[in-house]
PDB file of N, CA and C in Angstrom:
ATOM      1  N   MET A   1      95.971  87.294  86.346  1.00  0.00           N
ATOM      2  CA  MET A   1      95.848  87.962  87.378  1.00  0.00           C
ATOM      3  C   MET A   1      95.171  87.484  88.047  1.00  0.00           C
ATOM      4  N   ALA A   2      96.176  87.218  89.073  1.00  0.00           N
ATOM      5  CA  ALA A   2      95.750  86.670  90.512  1.00  0.00           C
ATOM      6  C   ALA A   2      94.989  87.700  91.332  1.00  0.00           C
ATOM      7  N   THR A   3      94.330  86.782  92.199  1.00  0.00           N
ATOM      8  CA  THR A   3      93.749  88.377  93.045  1.00  0.00           C
ATOM      9  C   THR A   3      93.948  87.334  94.675  1.00  0.00           C
ATOM     10  N   THR A   4      94.418  88.397  95.665  1.00  0.00           N
ATOM     11  CA  THR A   4      94.077  87.754  96.706  1.00  0.00           C
ATOM     12  C   THR A   4      93.128  88.530  97.779  1.00  0.00           C
ATOM     13  N   ASN A   5      92.460  87.739  98.431  1.00  0.00           N
ATOM     14  CA  ASN A   5      91.562  88.504  99.416  1.00  0.00           C
ATOM     15  C   ASN A   5      92.040  88.197 100.683  1.00  0.00           C
ATOM     16  N   ILE A   6      92.535  88.958 101.786  1.00  0.00           N
ATOM     17  CA  ILE A   6      93.525  88.710 103.402  1.00  0.00           C
ATOM     18  C   ILE A   6      92.479  90.033 104.375  1.00  0.00           C
ATOM     19  N   LYS A   7      92.000  89.287 104.844  1.00  0.00           N
ATOM     20  CA  LYS A   7      91.509  90.448 105.957  1.00  0.00           C
ATOM     21  C   LYS A   7      92.041  90.738 107.489  1.00  0.00           C
ATOM     22  N   ALA A   8      92.298  91.085 108.133  1.00  0.00           N
ATOM     23  CA  ALA A   8      93.036  91.453 109.343  1.00  0.00           C
ATOM     24  C   ALA A   8      92.055  92.249 110.233  1.00  0.00           C
ATOM     25  N   VAL A   9      93.048  92.172 111.320  1.00  0.00           N
ATOM     26  CA  VAL A   9      92.421  93.237 112.490  1.00  0.00           C
ATOM     27  C   VAL A   9      93.287  94.022 112.796  1.00  0.00           C
ATOM     28  N   ILE A  10      93.530  95.480 113.008  1.00  0.00           N
ATOM     29  CA  ILE A  10      95.068  96.068 113.200  1.00  0.00           C
ATOM     30  C   ILE A  10      94.813  97.059 113.922  1.00  0.00           C
ATOM     31  N   PRO A  11      94.907  96.708 115.575  1.00  0.00           N
ATOM     32  CA  PRO A  11      94.675  97.618 116.888  1.00  0.00           C
ATOM     33  C   PRO A  11      95.377  98.663 116.959  1.00  0.00           C
ATOM     34  N   ALA A  12      95.187  99.554 115.517  1.00  0.00           N
ATOM     35  CA  ALA A  12      95.498 100.860 115.417  1.00  0.00           C
ATOM     36  C   ALA A  12      94.656 102.327 114.758  1.00  0.00           C
ATOM     37  N   GLU A  13      94.811 103.587 114.882  1.00  0.00           N
ATOM     38  CA  GLU A  13      93.586 104.402 114.128  1.00  0.00           C
ATOM     39  C   GLU A  13      94.066 104.265 112.796  1.00  0.00           C
ATOM     40  N   LEU A  14      92.730 104.049 112.496  1.00  0.00           N
ATOM     41  CA  LEU A  14      92.897 104.311 110.634  1.00  0.00           C
ATOM     42  C   LEU A  14      93.520 104.738 110.023  1.00  0.00           C
ATOM     43  N   ARG A  15      93.888 106.171 110.058  1.00  0.00           N
ATOM     44  CA  ARG A  15      94.844 107.145 109.632  1.00  0.00           C
ATOM     45  C   ARG A  15      96.001 106.882 109.833  1.00  0.00           C
ATOM     46  N   LYS A  16      96.476 106.206 110.929  1.00  0.00           N
ATOM     47  CA  LYS A  16      98.152 105.465 110.799  1.00  0.00           C
ATOM     48  C   LYS A  16      98.496 104.282 109.805  1.00  0.00           C
ATOM     49  N   VAL A  17      97.077 103.559 109.659  1.00  0.00           N
ATOM     50  CA  VAL A  17      97.110 102.429 109.033  1.00  0.00           C
ATOM     51  C   VAL A  17      97.037 102.796 107.572  1.00  0.00           C
ATOM     52  N   TRP A  18      96.474 103.799 107.106  1.00  0.00           N
ATOM     53  CA  TRP A  18      96.367 104.154 105.932  1.00  0.00           C
ATOM     54  C   TRP A  18      97.314 104.596 105.678  1.00  0.00           C
ATOM     55  N   ASP A  19      98.195 105.504 106.086  1.00  0.00           N
ATOM     56  CA  ASP A  19      99.428 106.239 105.780  1.00  0.00           C
ATOM     57  C   ASP A  19     100.367 104.859 105.548  1.00  0.00           C
ATOM     58  N   PHE A  20     100.649 104.162 106.833  1.00  0.00           N
ATOM     59  CA  PHE A  20     101.322 102.873 106.526  1.00  0.00           C
ATOM     60  C   PHE A  20     101.350 102.211 105.323  1.00  0.00           C
ATOM     61  N   VAL A  21      99.957 102.337 105.154  1.00  0.00           N
ATOM     62  CA  VAL A  21      99.883 101.080 103.446  1.00  0.00           C
ATOM     63  C   VAL A  21     100.399 102.290 102.127  1.00  0.00           C
ATOM     64  N   LEU A  22      99.773 103.547 102.212  1.00  0.00           N
ATOM     65  CA  LEU A  22     100.407 104.306 101.207  1.00  0.00           C
ATOM     66  C   LEU A  22     101.877 104.772 101.349  1.00  0.00           C
ATOM     67  N   ASP A  23     102.688 104.751 102.179  1.00  0.00           N
ATOM     68  CA  ASP A  23     103.937 104.679 101.845  1.00  0.00           C
ATOM     69  C   ASP A  23     104.634 103.486 100.754  1.00  0.00           C
ATOM     70  N   ILE A  24     104.778 103.951 100.039  1.00  0.00           N
ATOM     71  CA  ILE A  24     104.946 103.225  98.625  1.00  0.00           C
ATOM     72  C   ILE A  24     106.206 102.577  98.810  1.00  0.00           C
ATOM     73  N   GLU A  25     107.751 103.296  99.148  1.00  0.00           N
ATOM     74  CA  GLU A  25     109.285 103.591  99.553  1.00  0.00           C
ATOM     75  C   GLU A  25     108.980 102.854 100.737  1.00  0.00           C
ATOM     76  N   ASN A  26     108.395 102.294 101.649  1.00  0.00           N
ATOM     77  CA  ASN A  26     108.522 101.357 102.350  1.00  0.00           C
ATOM     78  C   ASN A  26     107.820 100.166 102.278  1.00  0.00           C
ATOM     79  N   TYR A  27     107.042  99.672 100.746  1.00  0.00           N
ATOM     80  CA  TYR A  27     106.496  98.608 101.148  1.00  0.00           C
ATOM     81  C   TYR A  27     107.575  97.046 101.345  1.00  0.00           C
ATOM     82  N   GLY A  28     108.042  97.636 101.105  1.00  0.00           N
ATOM     83  CA  GLY A  28     109.464  96.362 101.922  1.00  0.00           C
ATOM     84  C   GLY A  28     109.116  95.530 102.576  1.00  0.00           C
ATOM     85  N   ASN A  29     108.637  96.429 103.848  1.00  0.00           N
ATOM     86  CA  ASN A  29     108.806  96.570 105.208  1.00  0.00           C
ATOM     87  C   ASN A  29     107.646  95.357 105.743  1.00  0.00           C
ATOM     88  N   TRP A  30     106.612  95.544 104.788  1.00  0.00           N
ATOM     89  CA  TRP A  30     105.577  94.209 105.121  1.00  0.00           C
ATOM     90  C   TRP A  30     105.123  93.677 103.751  1.00  0.00           C
ATOM     91  N   ARG A  31     105.644  93.869 102.465  1.00  0.00           N
ATOM     92  CA  ARG A  31     105.266  93.297 101.591  1.00  0.00           C
ATOM     93  C   ARG A  31     106.844  92.177 101.138  1.00  0.00           C
ATOM     94  N   SER A  32     106.458  91.001 101.485  1.00  0.00           N
ATOM     95  CA  SER A  32     107.529  89.974 101.527  1.00  0.00           C
ATOM     96  C   SER A  32     107.894  89.509 100.121  1.00  0.00           C
ATOM     97  N   ASP A  33     106.854  90.144  98.536  1.00  0.00           N
ATOM     98  CA  ASP A  33     107.287  89.154  97.638  1.00  0.00           C
ATOM     99  C   ASP A  33     108.012  90.313  96.745  1.00  0.00           C
ATOM    100  N   LEU A  34     108.289  91.768  97.693  1.00  0.00           N
ATOM    101  CA  LEU A  34     109.047  92.355  96.440  1.00  0.00           C
ATOM    102  C   LEU A  34     110.429  92.739  96.753  1.00  0.00           C
ATOM    103  N   SER A  35     111.320  92.974  95.857  1.00  0.00           N
ATOM    104  CA  SER A  35     112.323  93.766  96.398  1.00  0.00           C
ATOM    105  C   SER A  35     112.853  94.835  96.245  1.00  0.00           C
ATOM    106  N   LYS A  36     112.195  95.583  95.815  1.00  0.00           N
ATOM    107  CA  LYS A  36     111.851  97.115  96.168  1.00  0.00           C
ATOM    108  C   LYS A  36     110.826  97.992  95.461  1.00  0.00           C
ATOM    109  N   THR A  37     110.826  98.810  95.451  1.00  0.00           N
ATOM    110  CA  THR A  37     110.007  99.460  94.621  1.00  0.00           C
ATOM    111  C   THR A  37     110.479 100.990  93.983  1.00  0.00           C
ATOM    112  N   GLU A  38     109.700 101.731  93.005  1.00  0.00           N
ATOM    113  CA  GLU A  38     110.482 102.982  92.380  1.00  0.00           C
ATOM    114  C   GLU A  38     109.208 103.661  92.109  1.00  0.00           C
ATOM    115  N   VAL A  39     109.671 104.720  92.796  1.00  0.00           N
ATOM    116  CA  VAL A  39     108.492 105.597  92.603  1.00  0.00           C
ATOM    117  C   VAL A  39     109.064 106.660  91.238  1.00  0.00           C
ATOM    118  N   ILE A  40     107.618 106.490  90.247  1.00  0.00           N
ATOM    119  CA  ILE A  40     108.055 107.182  88.920  1.00  0.00           C
ATOM    120  C   ILE A  40     107.719 108.958  89.096  1.00  0.00           C
ATOM    121  N   SER A  41     106.276 108.931  89.998  1.00  0.00           N
ATOM    122  CA  SER A  41     105.867 110.600  89.748  1.00  0.00           C
ATOM    123  C   SER A  41     105.018 110.219  91.205  1.00  0.00           C
ATOM    124  N   ASP A  42     104.144 111.293  90.918  1.00  0.00           N
ATOM    125  CA  ASP A  42     103.318 111.558  92.448  1.00  0.00           C
ATOM    126  C   ASP A  42     101.855 109.924  92.144  1.00  0.00           C
ATOM    127  N   LYS A  43     101.753 109.897  90.613  1.00  0.00           N
ATOM    128  CA  LYS A  43     100.505 108.789  90.444  1.00  0.00           C
ATOM    129  C   LYS A  43     101.089 107.203  89.953  1.00  0.00           C
ATOM    130  N   GLN A  44     101.940 107.284  89.613  1.00  0.00           N
ATOM    131  CA  GLN A  44     103.303 105.993  88.822  1.00  0.00           C
ATOM    132  C   GLN A  44     104.342 105.652  90.318  1.00  0.00           C
ATOM    133  N   PHE A  45     104.012 104.262  90.009  1.00  0.00           N
ATOM    134  CA  PHE A  45     105.579 103.337  90.780  1.00  0.00           C
ATOM    135  C   PHE A  45     105.367 102.354  89.818  1.00  0.00           C
ATOM    136  N   ILE A  46     106.651 101.261  90.754  1.00  0.00           N
ATOM    137  CA  ILE A  46     107.350 100.072  89.757  1.00  0.00           C
ATOM    138  C   ILE A  46     107.215  99.187  90.656  1.00  0.00           C
ATOM    139  N   GLU A  47     106.773  98.049  90.999  1.00  0.00           N
ATOM    140  CA  GLU A  47     106.884  96.945  92.274  1.00  0.00           C
ATOM    141  C   GLU A  47     107.807  96.144  91.152  1.00  0.00           C
ATOM    142  N   TYR A  48     108.835  95.617  92.016  1.00  0.00           N
ATOM    143  CA  TYR A  48     109.673  94.832  91.482  1.00  0.00           C
ATOM    144  C   TYR A  48     109.936  93.716  92.416  1.00  0.00           C
ATOM    145  N   THR A  49     109.335  92.313  92.020  1.00  0.00           N
ATOM    146  CA  THR A  49     109.544  91.474  92.923  1.00  0.00           C
ATOM    147  C   THR A  49     110.759  90.267  92.887  1.00  0.00           C
ATOM    148  N   LYS A  50     111.300  89.538  93.974  1.00  0.00           N
ATOM    149  CA  LYS A  50     112.128  89.052  94.486  1.00  0.00           C
ATOM    150  C   LYS A  50     112.341  88.417  93.335  1.00  0.00           C
ATOM    151  N   ASP A  51     111.675  87.666  92.231  1.00  0.00           N
ATOM    152  CA  ASP A  51     111.998  86.906  91.268  1.00  0.00           C
ATOM    153  C   ASP A  51     112.755  87.367  90.017  1.00  0.00           C
ATOM    154  N   TRP A  52     112.541  88.908  89.917  1.00  0.00           N
ATOM    155  CA  TRP A  52     112.959  89.624  88.802  1.00  0.00           C
ATOM    156  C   TRP A  52     114.340  89.881  89.124  1.00  0.00           C
TER     157      TRP A  52
END
């Protein structure tokens, strides 16, 4: 399993950043490695990489 650590300072309210990061259906807007995501349930989702 690959591990990546990236740090950034984001000039925004913590709650807005957290809501943005948790918005699974919009992962493709900031995750350049994904082609799409599929929500299975409230607790499960599938990420499809561009290599798929």
